[in-house]
Amino acid sequence: GDLIQETLEAFERYGGEDAFINIKYMVP
């Protein structure tokens, strides 16, 4: 659980402006 949270936060930080909305679509 903690590793997944860290990975999603890393995706958001380095994924640009469209990262969060795409993460939110797959992980509500």
mmCIF file of all heavy atoms, coordinates in Angstrom:
data_MODEL
# 
_entry.id   MODEL 
# 
loop_
_atom_site.group_PDB 
_atom_site.id 
_atom_site.type_symbol 
_atom_site.label_atom_id 
_atom_site.label_alt_id 
_atom_site.label_comp_id 
_atom_site.label_asym_id 
_atom_site.label_entity_id 
_atom_site.label_seq_id 
_atom_site.pdbx_PDB_ins_code 
_atom_site.Cartn_x 
_atom_site.Cartn_y 
_atom_site.Cartn_z 
_atom_site.occupancy 
_atom_site.B_iso_or_equiv 
_atom_site.pdbx_formal_charge 
_atom_site.auth_seq_id 
_atom_site.auth_comp_id 
_atom_site.auth_asym_id 
_atom_site.auth_atom_id 
_atom_site.pdbx_PDB_model_num 
ATOM 1   N N   . GLY A 1 1  ? 0.813   -1.216 0.000   1.00 0.00 ? 1  GLY A N   1 
ATOM 2   C CA  . GLY A 1 1  ? 0.000   0.000  0.000   1.00 0.00 ? 1  GLY A CA  1 
ATOM 3   C C   . GLY A 1 1  ? 0.841   1.258  0.000   1.00 0.00 ? 1  GLY A C   1 
ATOM 4   O O   . GLY A 1 1  ? 0.569   2.205  -0.752  1.00 0.00 ? 1  GLY A O   1 
ATOM 5   N N   . ASP A 1 2  ? 1.886   1.287  0.827   1.00 0.00 ? 2  ASP A N   1 
ATOM 6   C CA  . ASP A 1 2  ? 2.753   2.467  0.881   1.00 0.00 ? 2  ASP A CA  1 
ATOM 7   C C   . ASP A 1 2  ? 3.553   2.635  -0.402  1.00 0.00 ? 2  ASP A C   1 
ATOM 8   O O   . ASP A 1 2  ? 3.749   3.751  -0.890  1.00 0.00 ? 2  ASP A O   1 
ATOM 9   C CB  . ASP A 1 2  ? 3.710   2.360  2.076   1.00 0.00 ? 2  ASP A CB  1 
ATOM 10  C CG  . ASP A 1 2  ? 2.972   2.466  3.401   1.00 0.00 ? 2  ASP A CG  1 
ATOM 11  O OD1 . ASP A 1 2  ? 1.809   2.905  3.378   1.00 0.00 ? 2  ASP A OD1 1 
ATOM 12  O OD2 . ASP A 1 2  ? 3.557   2.103  4.439   1.00 0.00 ? 2  ASP A OD2 1 
ATOM 13  N N   . LEU A 1 3  ? 4.035   1.520  -0.960  1.00 0.00 ? 3  LEU A N   1 
ATOM 14  C CA  . LEU A 1 3  ? 4.809   1.607  -2.206  1.00 0.00 ? 3  LEU A CA  1 
ATOM 15  C C   . LEU A 1 3  ? 3.955   2.118  -3.362  1.00 0.00 ? 3  LEU A C   1 
ATOM 16  O O   . LEU A 1 3  ? 4.426   2.895  -4.195  1.00 0.00 ? 3  LEU A O   1 
ATOM 17  C CB  . LEU A 1 3  ? 5.401   0.234  -2.553  1.00 0.00 ? 3  LEU A CB  1 
ATOM 18  C CG  . LEU A 1 3  ? 6.673   -0.172 -1.810  1.00 0.00 ? 3  LEU A CG  1 
ATOM 19  C CD1 . LEU A 1 3  ? 7.048   -1.601 -2.149  1.00 0.00 ? 3  LEU A CD1 1 
ATOM 20  C CD2 . LEU A 1 3  ? 7.821   0.763  -2.150  1.00 0.00 ? 3  LEU A CD2 1 
ATOM 21  N N   . ILE A 1 4  ? 2.699   1.675  -3.420  1.00 0.00 ? 4  ILE A N   1 
ATOM 22  C CA  . ILE A 1 4  ? 1.808   2.149  -4.491  1.00 0.00 ? 4  ILE A CA  1 
ATOM 23  C C   . ILE A 1 4  ? 1.555   3.646  -4.337  1.00 0.00 ? 4  ILE A C   1 
ATOM 24  O O   . ILE A 1 4  ? 1.571   4.391  -5.330  1.00 0.00 ? 4  ILE A O   1 
ATOM 25  C CB  . ILE A 1 4  ? 0.493   1.345  -4.468  1.00 0.00 ? 4  ILE A CB  1 
ATOM 26  C CG1 . ILE A 1 4  ? 0.740   -0.081 -4.944  1.00 0.00 ? 4  ILE A CG1 1 
ATOM 27  C CG2 . ILE A 1 4  ? -0.570  2.015  -5.337  1.00 0.00 ? 4  ILE A CG2 1 
ATOM 28  C CD1 . ILE A 1 4  ? -0.467  -0.981 -4.868  1.00 0.00 ? 4  ILE A CD1 1 
ATOM 29  N N   . GLN A 1 5  ? 1.357   4.107  -3.112  1.00 0.00 ? 5  GLN A N   1 
ATOM 30  C CA  . GLN A 1 5  ? 1.158   5.537  -2.888  1.00 0.00 ? 5  GLN A CA  1 
ATOM 31  C C   . GLN A 1 5  ? 2.393   6.329  -3.310  1.00 0.00 ? 5  GLN A C   1 
ATOM 32  O O   . GLN A 1 5  ? 2.282   7.374  -3.964  1.00 0.00 ? 5  GLN A O   1 
ATOM 33  C CB  . GLN A 1 5  ? 0.832   5.782  -1.409  1.00 0.00 ? 5  GLN A CB  1 
ATOM 34  C CG  . GLN A 1 5  ? 0.508   7.225  -1.070  1.00 0.00 ? 5  GLN A CG  1 
ATOM 35  C CD  . GLN A 1 5  ? -0.778  7.712  -1.708  1.00 0.00 ? 5  GLN A CD  1 
ATOM 36  O OE1 . GLN A 1 5  ? -1.668  6.913  -2.018  1.00 0.00 ? 5  GLN A OE1 1 
ATOM 37  N NE2 . GLN A 1 5  ? -0.882  9.020  -1.920  1.00 0.00 ? 5  GLN A NE2 1 
ATOM 38  N N   . GLU A 1 6  ? 3.586   5.850  -2.954  1.00 0.00 ? 6  GLU A N   1 
ATOM 39  C CA  . GLU A 1 6  ? 4.820   6.525  -3.364  1.00 0.00 ? 6  GLU A CA  1 
ATOM 40  C C   . GLU A 1 6  ? 4.958   6.550  -4.884  1.00 0.00 ? 6  GLU A C   1 
ATOM 41  O O   . GLU A 1 6  ? 5.372   7.568  -5.464  1.00 0.00 ? 6  GLU A O   1 
ATOM 42  C CB  . GLU A 1 6  ? 6.028   5.823  -2.742  1.00 0.00 ? 6  GLU A CB  1 
ATOM 43  C CG  . GLU A 1 6  ? 6.128   5.939  -1.240  1.00 0.00 ? 6  GLU A CG  1 
ATOM 44  C CD  . GLU A 1 6  ? 7.286   5.123  -0.691  1.00 0.00 ? 6  GLU A CD  1 
ATOM 45  O OE1 . GLU A 1 6  ? 8.125   4.673  -1.509  1.00 0.00 ? 6  GLU A OE1 1 
ATOM 46  O OE2 . GLU A 1 6  ? 7.361   4.918  0.527   1.00 0.00 ? 6  GLU A OE2 1 
ATOM 47  N N   . THR A 1 7  ? 4.624   5.439  -5.530  1.00 0.00 ? 7  THR A N   1 
ATOM 48  C CA  . THR A 1 7  ? 4.759   5.361  -6.994  1.00 0.00 ? 7  THR A CA  1 
ATOM 49  C C   . THR A 1 7  ? 3.800   6.311  -7.685  1.00 0.00 ? 7  THR A C   1 
ATOM 50  O O   . THR A 1 7  ? 4.177   7.005  -8.639  1.00 0.00 ? 7  THR A O   1 
ATOM 51  C CB  . THR A 1 7  ? 4.508   3.913  -7.463  1.00 0.00 ? 7  THR A CB  1 
ATOM 52  O OG1 . THR A 1 7  ? 5.361   3.025  -6.740  1.00 0.00 ? 7  THR A OG1 1 
ATOM 53  C CG2 . THR A 1 7  ? 4.793   3.780  -8.951  1.00 0.00 ? 7  THR A CG2 1 
ATOM 54  N N   . LEU A 1 8  ? 2.551   6.373  -7.219  1.00 0.00 ? 8  LEU A N   1 
ATOM 55  C CA  . LEU A 1 8  ? 1.578   7.282  -7.829  1.00 0.00 ? 8  LEU A CA  1 
ATOM 56  C C   . LEU A 1 8  ? 1.994   8.741  -7.631  1.00 0.00 ? 8  LEU A C   1 
ATOM 57  O O   . LEU A 1 8  ? 1.827   9.569  -8.543  1.00 0.00 ? 8  LEU A O   1 
ATOM 58  C CB  . LEU A 1 8  ? 0.192   7.035  -7.236  1.00 0.00 ? 8  LEU A CB  1 
ATOM 59  C CG  . LEU A 1 8  ? -0.442  5.663  -7.539  1.00 0.00 ? 8  LEU A CG  1 
ATOM 60  C CD1 . LEU A 1 8  ? -1.775  5.523  -6.827  1.00 0.00 ? 8  LEU A CD1 1 
ATOM 61  C CD2 . LEU A 1 8  ? -0.621  5.466  -9.037  1.00 0.00 ? 8  LEU A CD2 1 
ATOM 62  N N   . GLU A 1 9  ? 2.543   9.062  -6.477  1.00 0.00 ? 9  GLU A N   1 
ATOM 63  C CA  . GLU A 1 9  ? 3.012   10.434 -6.250  1.00 0.00 ? 9  GLU A CA  1 
ATOM 64  C C   . GLU A 1 9  ? 4.197   10.762 -7.161  1.00 0.00 ? 9  GLU A C   1 
ATOM 65  O O   . GLU A 1 9  ? 4.298   11.886 -7.666  1.00 0.00 ? 9  GLU A O   1 
ATOM 66  C CB  . GLU A 1 9  ? 3.399   10.603 -4.780  1.00 0.00 ? 9  GLU A CB  1 
ATOM 67  C CG  . GLU A 1 9  ? 2.203   10.594 -3.832  1.00 0.00 ? 9  GLU A CG  1 
ATOM 68  C CD  . GLU A 1 9  ? 2.620   10.705 -2.376  1.00 0.00 ? 9  GLU A CD  1 
ATOM 69  O OE1 . GLU A 1 9  ? 3.844   10.803 -2.117  1.00 0.00 ? 9  GLU A OE1 1 
ATOM 70  O OE2 . GLU A 1 9  ? 1.741   10.696 -1.500  1.00 0.00 ? 9  GLU A OE2 1 
ATOM 71  N N   . ALA A 1 10 ? 5.085   9.782  -7.383  1.00 0.00 ? 10 ALA A N   1 
ATOM 72  C CA  . ALA A 1 10 ? 6.196   10.012 -8.310  1.00 0.00 ? 10 ALA A CA  1 
ATOM 73  C C   . ALA A 1 10 ? 5.684   10.205 -9.739  1.00 0.00 ? 10 ALA A C   1 
ATOM 74  O O   . ALA A 1 10 ? 6.194   11.056 -10.480 1.00 0.00 ? 10 ALA A O   1 
ATOM 75  C CB  . ALA A 1 10 ? 7.174   8.835  -8.254  1.00 0.00 ? 10 ALA A CB  1 
ATOM 76  N N   . PHE A 1 11 ? 4.668   9.413  -10.129 1.00 0.00 ? 11 PHE A N   1 
ATOM 77  C CA  . PHE A 1 11 ? 4.069   9.593  -11.456 1.00 0.00 ? 11 PHE A CA  1 
ATOM 78  C C   . PHE A 1 11 ? 3.498   11.002 -11.603 1.00 0.00 ? 11 PHE A C   1 
ATOM 79  O O   . PHE A 1 11 ? 3.633   11.628 -12.668 1.00 0.00 ? 11 PHE A O   1 
ATOM 80  C CB  . PHE A 1 11 ? 2.962   8.563  -11.678 1.00 0.00 ? 11 PHE A CB  1 
ATOM 81  C CG  . PHE A 1 11 ? 3.459   7.193  -12.049 1.00 0.00 ? 11 PHE A CG  1 
ATOM 82  C CD1 . PHE A 1 11 ? 2.588   6.122  -12.148 1.00 0.00 ? 11 PHE A CD1 1 
ATOM 83  C CD2 . PHE A 1 11 ? 4.797   6.966  -12.286 1.00 0.00 ? 11 PHE A CD2 1 
ATOM 84  C CE1 . PHE A 1 11 ? 3.035   4.858  -12.491 1.00 0.00 ? 11 PHE A CE1 1 
ATOM 85  C CE2 . PHE A 1 11 ? 5.266   5.703  -12.633 1.00 0.00 ? 11 PHE A CE2 1 
ATOM 86  C CZ  . PHE A 1 11 ? 4.379   4.647  -12.726 1.00 0.00 ? 11 PHE A CZ  1 
ATOM 87  N N   . GLU A 1 12 ? 2.849   11.491 -10.551 1.00 0.00 ? 12 GLU A N   1 
ATOM 88  C CA  . GLU A 1 12 ? 2.234   12.816 -10.645 1.00 0.00 ? 12 GLU A CA  1 
ATOM 89  C C   . GLU A 1 12 ? 3.300   13.918 -10.710 1.00 0.00 ? 12 GLU A C   1 
ATOM 90  O O   . GLU A 1 12 ? 3.150   14.891 -11.459 1.00 0.00 ? 12 GLU A O   1 
ATOM 91  C CB  . GLU A 1 12 ? 1.305   13.045 -9.457  1.00 0.00 ? 12 GLU A CB  1 
ATOM 92  C CG  . GLU A 1 12 ? 0.560   14.377 -9.539  1.00 0.00 ? 12 GLU A CG  1 
ATOM 93  C CD  . GLU A 1 12 ? -0.289  14.649 -8.320  1.00 0.00 ? 12 GLU A CD  1 
ATOM 94  O OE1 . GLU A 1 12 ? -0.286  13.814 -7.394  1.00 0.00 ? 12 GLU A OE1 1 
ATOM 95  O OE2 . GLU A 1 12 ? -0.947  15.703 -8.282  1.00 0.00 ? 12 GLU A OE2 1 
ATOM 96  N N   . ARG A 1 13 ? 4.360   13.776 -9.921  1.00 0.00 ? 13 ARG A N   1 
ATOM 97  C CA  . ARG A 1 13 ? 5.386   14.822 -9.882  1.00 0.00 ? 13 ARG A CA  1 
ATOM 98  C C   . ARG A 1 13 ? 6.124   14.946 -11.209 1.00 0.00 ? 13 ARG A C   1 
ATOM 99  O O   . ARG A 1 13 ? 6.439   16.055 -11.656 1.00 0.00 ? 13 ARG A O   1 
ATOM 100 C CB  . ARG A 1 13 ? 6.392   14.512 -8.767  1.00 0.00 ? 13 ARG A CB  1 
ATOM 101 C CG  . ARG A 1 13 ? 5.873   14.794 -7.371  1.00 0.00 ? 13 ARG A CG  1 
ATOM 102 C CD  . ARG A 1 13 ? 7.005   14.776 -6.353  1.00 0.00 ? 13 ARG A CD  1 
ATOM 103 N NE  . ARG A 1 13 ? 6.511   14.997 -5.006  1.00 0.00 ? 13 ARG A NE  1 
ATOM 104 C CZ  . ARG A 1 13 ? 6.224   14.022 -4.146  1.00 0.00 ? 13 ARG A CZ  1 
ATOM 105 N NH1 . ARG A 1 13 ? 6.390   12.754 -4.510  1.00 0.00 ? 13 ARG A NH1 1 
ATOM 106 N NH2 . ARG A 1 13 ? 5.781   14.302 -2.938  1.00 0.00 ? 13 ARG A NH2 1 
ATOM 107 N N   . TYR A 1 14 ? 6.418   13.808 -11.832 1.00 0.00 ? 14 TYR A N   1 
ATOM 108 C CA  . TYR A 1 14 ? 7.247   13.824 -13.038 1.00 0.00 ? 14 TYR A CA  1 
ATOM 109 C C   . TYR A 1 14 ? 6.445   13.590 -14.316 1.00 0.00 ? 14 TYR A C   1 
ATOM 110 O O   . TYR A 1 14 ? 7.028   13.488 -15.395 1.00 0.00 ? 14 TYR A O   1 
ATOM 111 C CB  . TYR A 1 14 ? 8.343   12.748 -12.933 1.00 0.00 ? 14 TYR A CB  1 
ATOM 112 C CG  . TYR A 1 14 ? 9.310   12.996 -11.800 1.00 0.00 ? 14 TYR A CG  1 
ATOM 113 C CD1 . TYR A 1 14 ? 9.124   12.394 -10.556 1.00 0.00 ? 14 TYR A CD1 1 
ATOM 114 C CD2 . TYR A 1 14 ? 10.398  13.838 -11.969 1.00 0.00 ? 14 TYR A CD2 1 
ATOM 115 C CE1 . TYR A 1 14 ? 10.004  12.622 -9.512  1.00 0.00 ? 14 TYR A CE1 1 
ATOM 116 C CE2 . TYR A 1 14 ? 11.296  14.069 -10.926 1.00 0.00 ? 14 TYR A CE2 1 
ATOM 117 C CZ  . TYR A 1 14 ? 11.090  13.464 -9.711  1.00 0.00 ? 14 TYR A CZ  1 
ATOM 118 O OH  . TYR A 1 14 ? 11.968  13.695 -8.666  1.00 0.00 ? 14 TYR A OH  1 
ATOM 119 N N   . GLY A 1 15 ? 5.116   13.490 -14.205 1.00 0.00 ? 15 GLY A N   1 
ATOM 120 C CA  . GLY A 1 15 ? 4.309   13.177 -15.384 1.00 0.00 ? 15 GLY A CA  1 
ATOM 121 C C   . GLY A 1 15 ? 3.736   14.377 -16.099 1.00 0.00 ? 15 GLY A C   1 
ATOM 122 O O   . GLY A 1 15 ? 3.002   14.220 -17.075 1.00 0.00 ? 15 GLY A O   1 
ATOM 123 N N   . GLY A 1 16 ? 4.022   15.581 -15.614 1.00 0.00 ? 16 GLY A N   1 
ATOM 124 C CA  . GLY A 1 16 ? 3.493   16.763 -16.291 1.00 0.00 ? 16 GLY A CA  1 
ATOM 125 C C   . GLY A 1 16 ? 2.091   17.114 -15.823 1.00 0.00 ? 16 GLY A C   1 
ATOM 126 O O   . GLY A 1 16 ? 1.555   16.549 -14.861 1.00 0.00 ? 16 GLY A O   1 
ATOM 127 N N   . GLU A 1 17 ? 1.486   18.051 -16.544 1.00 0.00 ? 17 GLU A N   1 
ATOM 128 C CA  . GLU A 1 17 ? 0.184   18.585 -16.120 1.00 0.00 ? 17 GLU A CA  1 
ATOM 129 C C   . GLU A 1 17 ? -0.968  17.617 -16.340 1.00 0.00 ? 17 GLU A C   1 
ATOM 130 O O   . GLU A 1 17 ? -2.015  17.738 -15.694 1.00 0.00 ? 17 GLU A O   1 
ATOM 131 C CB  . GLU A 1 17 ? -0.097  19.883 -16.868 1.00 0.00 ? 17 GLU A CB  1 
ATOM 132 C CG  . GLU A 1 17 ? -0.066  19.739 -18.383 1.00 0.00 ? 17 GLU A CG  1 
ATOM 133 C CD  . GLU A 1 17 ? -0.273  21.063 -19.097 1.00 0.00 ? 17 GLU A CD  1 
ATOM 134 O OE1 . GLU A 1 17 ? -0.262  22.102 -18.424 1.00 0.00 ? 17 GLU A OE1 1 
ATOM 135 O OE2 . GLU A 1 17 ? -0.434  21.031 -20.335 1.00 0.00 ? 17 GLU A OE2 1 
ATOM 136 N N   . ASP A 1 18 ? -0.809  16.646 -17.246 1.00 0.00 ? 18 ASP A N   1 
ATOM 137 C CA  . ASP A 1 18 ? -1.893  15.695 -17.505 1.00 0.00 ? 18 ASP A CA  1 
ATOM 138 C C   . ASP A 1 18 ? -1.802  14.444 -16.645 1.00 0.00 ? 18 ASP A C   1 
ATOM 139 O O   . ASP A 1 18 ? -2.641  13.543 -16.778 1.00 0.00 ? 18 ASP A O   1 
ATOM 140 C CB  . ASP A 1 18 ? -1.881  15.278 -18.981 1.00 0.00 ? 18 ASP A CB  1 
ATOM 141 C CG  . ASP A 1 18 ? -2.184  16.441 -19.912 1.00 0.00 ? 18 ASP A CG  1 
ATOM 142 O OD1 . ASP A 1 18 ? -2.919  17.351 -19.474 1.00 0.00 ? 18 ASP A OD1 1 
ATOM 143 O OD2 . ASP A 1 18 ? -1.680  16.443 -21.043 1.00 0.00 ? 18 ASP A OD2 1 
ATOM 144 N N   . ALA A 1 19 ? -0.807  14.367 -15.787 1.00 0.00 ? 19 ALA A N   1 
ATOM 145 C CA  . ALA A 1 19 ? -0.599  13.124 -15.041 1.00 0.00 ? 19 ALA A CA  1 
ATOM 146 C C   . ALA A 1 19 ? -1.717  12.886 -14.029 1.00 0.00 ? 19 ALA A C   1 
ATOM 147 O O   . ALA A 1 19 ? -2.267  11.782 -13.954 1.00 0.00 ? 19 ALA A O   1 
ATOM 148 C CB  . ALA A 1 19 ? 0.753   13.160 -14.333 1.00 0.00 ? 19 ALA A CB  1 
ATOM 149 N N   . PHE A 1 20 ? -2.083  13.920 -13.265 1.00 0.00 ? 20 PHE A N   1 
ATOM 150 C CA  . PHE A 1 20 ? -3.033  13.704 -12.178 1.00 0.00 ? 20 PHE A CA  1 
ATOM 151 C C   . PHE A 1 20 ? -4.400  13.252 -12.692 1.00 0.00 ? 20 PHE A C   1 
ATOM 152 O O   . PHE A 1 20 ? -5.000  12.313 -12.160 1.00 0.00 ? 20 PHE A O   1 
ATOM 153 C CB  . PHE A 1 20 ? -3.194  14.972 -11.346 1.00 0.00 ? 20 PHE A CB  1 
ATOM 154 C CG  . PHE A 1 20 ? -4.308  14.882 -10.341 1.00 0.00 ? 20 PHE A CG  1 
ATOM 155 C CD1 . PHE A 1 20 ? -4.213  14.010 -9.263  1.00 0.00 ? 20 PHE A CD1 1 
ATOM 156 C CD2 . PHE A 1 20 ? -5.464  15.643 -10.472 1.00 0.00 ? 20 PHE A CD2 1 
ATOM 157 C CE1 . PHE A 1 20 ? -5.244  13.909 -8.333  1.00 0.00 ? 20 PHE A CE1 1 
ATOM 158 C CE2 . PHE A 1 20 ? -6.485  15.547 -9.540  1.00 0.00 ? 20 PHE A CE2 1 
ATOM 159 C CZ  . PHE A 1 20 ? -6.376  14.680 -8.483  1.00 0.00 ? 20 PHE A CZ  1 
ATOM 160 N N   . ILE A 1 21 ? -4.893  13.877 -13.738 1.00 0.00 ? 21 ILE A N   1 
ATOM 161 C CA  . ILE A 1 21 ? -6.234  13.534 -14.221 1.00 0.00 ? 21 ILE A CA  1 
ATOM 162 C C   . ILE A 1 21 ? -6.267  12.112 -14.778 1.00 0.00 ? 21 ILE A C   1 
ATOM 163 O O   . ILE A 1 21 ? -7.266  11.399 -14.661 1.00 0.00 ? 21 ILE A O   1 
ATOM 164 C CB  . ILE A 1 21 ? -6.706  14.571 -15.267 1.00 0.00 ? 21 ILE A CB  1 
ATOM 165 C CG1 . ILE A 1 21 ? -8.195  14.366 -15.562 1.00 0.00 ? 21 ILE A CG1 1 
ATOM 166 C CG2 . ILE A 1 21 ? -5.877  14.477 -16.539 1.00 0.00 ? 21 ILE A CG2 1 
ATOM 167 C CD1 . ILE A 1 21 ? -8.793  15.468 -16.407 1.00 0.00 ? 21 ILE A CD1 1 
ATOM 168 N N   . ASN A 1 22 ? -5.135  11.680 -15.350 1.00 0.00 ? 22 ASN A N   1 
ATOM 169 C CA  . ASN A 1 22 ? -5.074  10.306 -15.861 1.00 0.00 ? 22 ASN A CA  1 
ATOM 170 C C   . ASN A 1 22 ? -4.941  9.295  -14.723 1.00 0.00 ? 22 ASN A C   1 
ATOM 171 O O   . ASN A 1 22 ? -5.500  8.188  -14.802 1.00 0.00 ? 22 ASN A O   1 
ATOM 172 C CB  . ASN A 1 22 ? -3.900  10.162 -16.835 1.00 0.00 ? 22 ASN A CB  1 
ATOM 173 C CG  . ASN A 1 22 ? -4.192  10.778 -18.195 1.00 0.00 ? 22 ASN A CG  1 
ATOM 174 O OD1 . ASN A 1 22 ? -4.822  10.168 -19.047 1.00 0.00 ? 22 ASN A OD1 1 
ATOM 175 N ND2 . ASN A 1 22 ? -3.743  12.000 -18.396 1.00 0.00 ? 22 ASN A ND2 1 
ATOM 176 N N   . ILE A 1 23 ? -4.193  9.658  -13.681 1.00 0.00 ? 23 ILE A N   1 
ATOM 177 C CA  . ILE A 1 23 ? -4.097  8.768  -12.519 1.00 0.00 ? 23 ILE A CA  1 
ATOM 178 C C   . ILE A 1 23 ? -5.460  8.666  -11.836 1.00 0.00 ? 23 ILE A C   1 
ATOM 179 O O   . ILE A 1 23 ? -5.905  7.577  -11.454 1.00 0.00 ? 23 ILE A O   1 
ATOM 180 C CB  . ILE A 1 23 ? -3.027  9.280  -11.534 1.00 0.00 ? 23 ILE A CB  1 
ATOM 181 C CG1 . ILE A 1 23 ? -1.645  9.220  -12.168 1.00 0.00 ? 23 ILE A CG1 1 
ATOM 182 C CG2 . ILE A 1 23 ? -3.050  8.468  -10.246 1.00 0.00 ? 23 ILE A CG2 1 
ATOM 183 C CD1 . ILE A 1 23 ? -0.559  9.846  -11.322 1.00 0.00 ? 23 ILE A CD1 1 
ATOM 184 N N   . LYS A 1 24 ? -6.144  9.803  -11.687 1.00 0.00 ? 24 LYS A N   1 
ATOM 185 C CA  . LYS A 1 24 ? -7.447  9.825  -11.025 1.00 0.00 ? 24 LYS A CA  1 
ATOM 186 C C   . LYS A 1 24 ? -8.481  9.000  -11.797 1.00 0.00 ? 24 LYS A C   1 
ATOM 187 O O   . LYS A 1 24 ? -9.384  8.406  -11.202 1.00 0.00 ? 24 LYS A O   1 
ATOM 188 C CB  . LYS A 1 24 ? -7.918  11.274 -10.912 1.00 0.00 ? 24 LYS A CB  1 
ATOM 189 C CG  . LYS A 1 24 ? -9.145  11.484 -10.055 1.00 0.00 ? 24 LYS A CG  1 
ATOM 190 C CD  . LYS A 1 24 ? -8.844  11.325 -8.579  1.00 0.00 ? 24 LYS A CD  1 
ATOM 191 C CE  . LYS A 1 24 ? -10.041 11.712 -7.731  1.00 0.00 ? 24 LYS A CE  1 
ATOM 192 N NZ  . LYS A 1 24 ? -9.792  11.472 -6.300  1.00 0.00 ? 24 LYS A NZ  1 
ATOM 193 N N   . TYR A 1 25 ? -8.348  8.950  -13.103 1.00 0.00 ? 25 TYR A N   1 
ATOM 194 C CA  . TYR A 1 25 ? -9.285  8.175  -13.923 1.00 0.00 ? 25 TYR A CA  1 
ATOM 195 C C   . TYR A 1 25 ? -9.138  6.680  -13.655 1.00 0.00 ? 25 TYR A C   1 
ATOM 196 O O   . TYR A 1 25 ? -10.135 5.946  -13.613 1.00 0.00 ? 25 TYR A O   1 
ATOM 197 C CB  . TYR A 1 25 ? -9.033  8.471  -15.397 1.00 0.00 ? 25 TYR A CB  1 
ATOM 198 C CG  . TYR A 1 25 ? -9.975  7.765  -16.334 1.00 0.00 ? 25 TYR A CG  1 
ATOM 199 C CD1 . TYR A 1 25 ? -11.276 8.221  -16.521 1.00 0.00 ? 25 TYR A CD1 1 
ATOM 200 C CD2 . TYR A 1 25 ? -9.569  6.634  -17.035 1.00 0.00 ? 25 TYR A CD2 1 
ATOM 201 C CE1 . TYR A 1 25 ? -12.147 7.574  -17.384 1.00 0.00 ? 25 TYR A CE1 1 
ATOM 202 C CE2 . TYR A 1 25 ? -10.436 5.974  -17.896 1.00 0.00 ? 25 TYR A CE2 1 
ATOM 203 C CZ  . TYR A 1 25 ? -11.714 6.449  -18.069 1.00 0.00 ? 25 TYR A CZ  1 
ATOM 204 O OH  . TYR A 1 25 ? -12.567 5.796  -18.911 1.00 0.00 ? 25 TYR A OH  1 
ATOM 205 N N   . MET A 1 26 ? -7.894  6.219  -13.441 1.00 0.00 ? 26 MET A N   1 
ATOM 206 C CA  . MET A 1 26 ? -7.650  4.793  -13.228 1.00 0.00 ? 26 MET A CA  1 
ATOM 207 C C   . MET A 1 26 ? -7.665  4.413  -11.745 1.00 0.00 ? 26 MET A C   1 
ATOM 208 O O   . MET A 1 26 ? -7.989  3.270  -11.404 1.00 0.00 ? 26 MET A O   1 
ATOM 209 C CB  . MET A 1 26 ? -6.296  4.393  -13.838 1.00 0.00 ? 26 MET A CB  1 
ATOM 210 C CG  . MET A 1 26 ? -6.194  4.619  -15.334 1.00 0.00 ? 26 MET A CG  1 
ATOM 211 S SD  . MET A 1 26 ? -7.500  3.816  -16.265 1.00 0.00 ? 26 MET A SD  1 
ATOM 212 C CE  . MET A 1 26 ? -7.239  2.118  -15.833 1.00 0.00 ? 26 MET A CE  1 
ATOM 213 N N   . VAL A 1 27 ? -7.301  5.342  -10.865 1.00 0.00 ? 27 VAL A N   1 
ATOM 214 C CA  . VAL A 1 27 ? -7.296  5.081  -9.418  1.00 0.00 ? 27 VAL A CA  1 
ATOM 215 C C   . VAL A 1 27 ? -8.148  6.166  -8.760  1.00 0.00 ? 27 VAL A C   1 
ATOM 216 O O   . VAL A 1 27 ? -7.640  7.204  -8.337  1.00 0.00 ? 27 VAL A O   1 
ATOM 217 C CB  . VAL A 1 27 ? -5.862  5.092  -8.846  1.00 0.00 ? 27 VAL A CB  1 
ATOM 218 C CG1 . VAL A 1 27 ? -5.869  4.642  -7.389  1.00 0.00 ? 27 VAL A CG1 1 
ATOM 219 C CG2 . VAL A 1 27 ? -4.942  4.204  -9.672  1.00 0.00 ? 27 VAL A CG2 1 
ATOM 220 N N   . PRO A 1 28 ? -9.456  5.978  -8.670  1.00 0.00 ? 28 PRO A N   1 
ATOM 221 C CA  . PRO A 1 28 ? -10.350 7.059  -8.203  1.00 0.00 ? 28 PRO A CA  1 
ATOM 222 C C   . PRO A 1 28 ? -10.080 7.523  -6.777  1.00 0.00 ? 28 PRO A C   1 
ATOM 223 O O   . PRO A 1 28 ? -10.417 8.656  -6.430  1.00 0.00 ? 28 PRO A O   1 
ATOM 224 C CB  . PRO A 1 28 ? -11.749 6.433  -8.321  1.00 0.00 ? 28 PRO A CB  1 
ATOM 225 C CG  . PRO A 1 28 ? -11.596 5.315  -9.297  1.00 0.00 ? 28 PRO A CG  1 
ATOM 226 C CD  . PRO A 1 28 ? -10.215 4.797  -9.105  1.00 0.00 ? 28 PRO A CD  1 
# 
